[in-house]
């Protein structure tokens, strides 16, 4: 699936505190945010929409593979 980036605003000192705390647990703030977003996705996106997204992803992958194969 294609990834995207986004920017959020949050208090700098809190971010530093989170980062320090996570580092002591051998964790990374970016990884933890991705886990949180995955949880939001799993909790809030209806099953049918998830299936549609997965099917669309498979179709896109198949098209890319076919294009690469025909180019060779």
C-alpha atoms as a PDB file:
ATOM      1  CA  UNK A   1       0.000   0.000   0.000  1.00  0.00           C
ATOM      2  CA  UNK A   2       1.276   3.464  -0.850  1.00  0.00           C
ATOM      3  CA  UNK A   3       2.383   5.386   2.233  1.00  0.00           C
ATOM      4  CA  UNK A   4       1.801   9.040   2.970  1.00  0.00           C
ATOM      5  CA  UNK A   5       3.207  11.477   5.493  1.00  0.00           C
ATOM      6  CA  UNK A   6       1.402  14.055   7.540  1.00  0.00           C
ATOM      7  CA  UNK A   7       2.377  16.728  10.010  1.00  0.00           C
ATOM      8  CA  UNK A   8       0.841  17.326  13.432  1.00  0.00           C
ATOM      9  CA  UNK A   9       1.452  19.951  16.071  1.00  0.00           C
ATOM     10  CA  UNK A  10       2.116  18.872  19.649  1.00  0.00           C
ATOM     11  CA  UNK A  11       3.885  20.336  22.636  1.00  0.00           C
ATOM     12  CA  UNK A  12       7.653  20.011  22.201  1.00  0.00           C
ATOM     13  CA  UNK A  13       8.421  19.149  25.818  1.00  0.00           C
ATOM     14  CA  UNK A  14       5.861  16.364  25.798  1.00  0.00           C
ATOM     15  CA  UNK A  15       7.365  14.917  22.619  1.00  0.00           C
ATOM     16  CA  UNK A  16      10.813  15.002  24.232  1.00  0.00           C
ATOM     17  CA  UNK A  17       9.464  13.294  27.359  1.00  0.00           C
ATOM     18  CA  UNK A  18       7.748  10.591  25.312  1.00  0.00           C
ATOM     19  CA  UNK A  19      10.890  10.033  23.241  1.00  0.00           C
ATOM     20  CA  UNK A  20      13.117   9.719  26.314  1.00  0.00           C
ATOM     21  CA  UNK A  21      10.695   7.336  28.001  1.00  0.00           C
ATOM     22  CA  UNK A  22      10.357   5.182  24.912  1.00  0.00           C
ATOM     23  CA  UNK A  23      14.106   5.114  24.336  1.00  0.00           C
ATOM     24  CA  UNK A  24      14.599   3.619  27.797  1.00  0.00           C
ATOM     25  CA  UNK A  25      12.255   0.817  26.668  1.00  0.00           C
ATOM     26  CA  UNK A  26      14.106   0.385  23.338  1.00  0.00           C
ATOM     27  CA  UNK A  27      11.129   1.796  21.452  1.00  0.00           C
ATOM     28  CA  UNK A  28      10.777   4.520  18.836  1.00  0.00           C
ATOM     29  CA  UNK A  29       8.113   7.240  18.795  1.00  0.00           C
ATOM     30  CA  UNK A  30       7.473   6.834  15.067  1.00  0.00           C
ATOM     31  CA  UNK A  31       6.905   3.087  15.427  1.00  0.00           C
ATOM     32  CA  UNK A  32       4.547   3.678  18.343  1.00  0.00           C
ATOM     33  CA  UNK A  33       2.557   6.251  16.371  1.00  0.00           C
ATOM     34  CA  UNK A  34       2.218   3.804  13.461  1.00  0.00           C
ATOM     35  CA  UNK A  35       0.984   1.108  15.884  1.00  0.00           C
ATOM     36  CA  UNK A  36      -1.543   3.588  17.275  1.00  0.00           C
ATOM     37  CA  UNK A  37      -2.764   4.503  13.785  1.00  0.00           C
ATOM     38  CA  UNK A  38      -3.071   0.814  12.887  1.00  0.00           C
ATOM     39  CA  UNK A  39      -5.223   0.398  15.993  1.00  0.00           C
ATOM     40  CA  UNK A  40      -7.430   3.325  14.954  1.00  0.00           C
ATOM     41  CA  UNK A  41      -7.783   1.813  11.497  1.00  0.00           C
ATOM     42  CA  UNK A  42      -8.691  -1.620  12.840  1.00  0.00           C
ATOM     43  CA  UNK A  43     -11.155  -0.212  15.363  1.00  0.00           C
ATOM     44  CA  UNK A  44     -12.902   2.350  13.175  1.00  0.00           C
ATOM     45  CA  UNK A  45     -12.834   1.221   9.544  1.00  0.00           C
ATOM     46  CA  UNK A  46     -15.703  -1.120   8.680  1.00  0.00           C
ATOM     47  CA  UNK A  47     -14.821  -4.642   7.539  1.00  0.00           C
ATOM     48  CA  UNK A  48     -16.286  -4.148   4.061  1.00  0.00           C
ATOM     49  CA  UNK A  49     -14.175  -1.042   3.490  1.00  0.00           C
ATOM     50  CA  UNK A  50     -11.049  -2.909   4.650  1.00  0.00           C
ATOM     51  CA  UNK A  51     -11.862  -5.703   2.177  1.00  0.00           C
ATOM     52  CA  UNK A  52     -12.342  -3.161  -0.616  1.00  0.00           C
ATOM     53  CA  UNK A  53      -8.979  -1.555   0.165  1.00  0.00           C
ATOM     54  CA  UNK A  54      -7.220  -4.946   0.242  1.00  0.00           C
ATOM     55  CA  UNK A  55      -8.811  -5.969  -3.080  1.00  0.00           C
ATOM     56  CA  UNK A  56      -7.851  -2.646  -4.653  1.00  0.00           C
ATOM     57  CA  UNK A  57      -4.294  -3.152  -3.416  1.00  0.00           C
ATOM     58  CA  UNK A  58      -4.161  -6.644  -4.957  1.00  0.00           C
ATOM     59  CA  UNK A  59      -5.475  -5.303  -8.261  1.00  0.00           C
ATOM     60  CA  UNK A  60      -2.858  -2.541  -8.268  1.00  0.00           C
ATOM     61  CA  UNK A  61      -0.065  -5.023  -7.479  1.00  0.00           C
ATOM     62  CA  UNK A  62      -1.233  -7.280 -10.316  1.00  0.00           C
ATOM     63  CA  UNK A  63      -1.225  -4.343 -12.747  1.00  0.00           C
ATOM     64  CA  UNK A  64       2.298  -3.327 -11.669  1.00  0.00           C
ATOM     65  CA  UNK A  65       3.574  -6.877 -12.098  1.00  0.00           C
ATOM     66  CA  UNK A  66       2.005  -7.149 -15.544  1.00  0.00           C
ATOM     67  CA  UNK A  67       3.551  -3.828 -16.594  1.00  0.00           C
ATOM     68  CA  UNK A  68       6.995  -4.895 -15.348  1.00  0.00           C
ATOM     69  CA  UNK A  69       6.738  -8.252 -17.111  1.00  0.00           C
ATOM     70  CA  UNK A  70       5.694  -6.717 -20.438  1.00  0.00           C
ATOM     71  CA  UNK A  71       8.539  -4.182 -20.223  1.00  0.00           C
ATOM     72  CA  UNK A  72      11.132  -6.968 -20.057  1.00  0.00           C
END
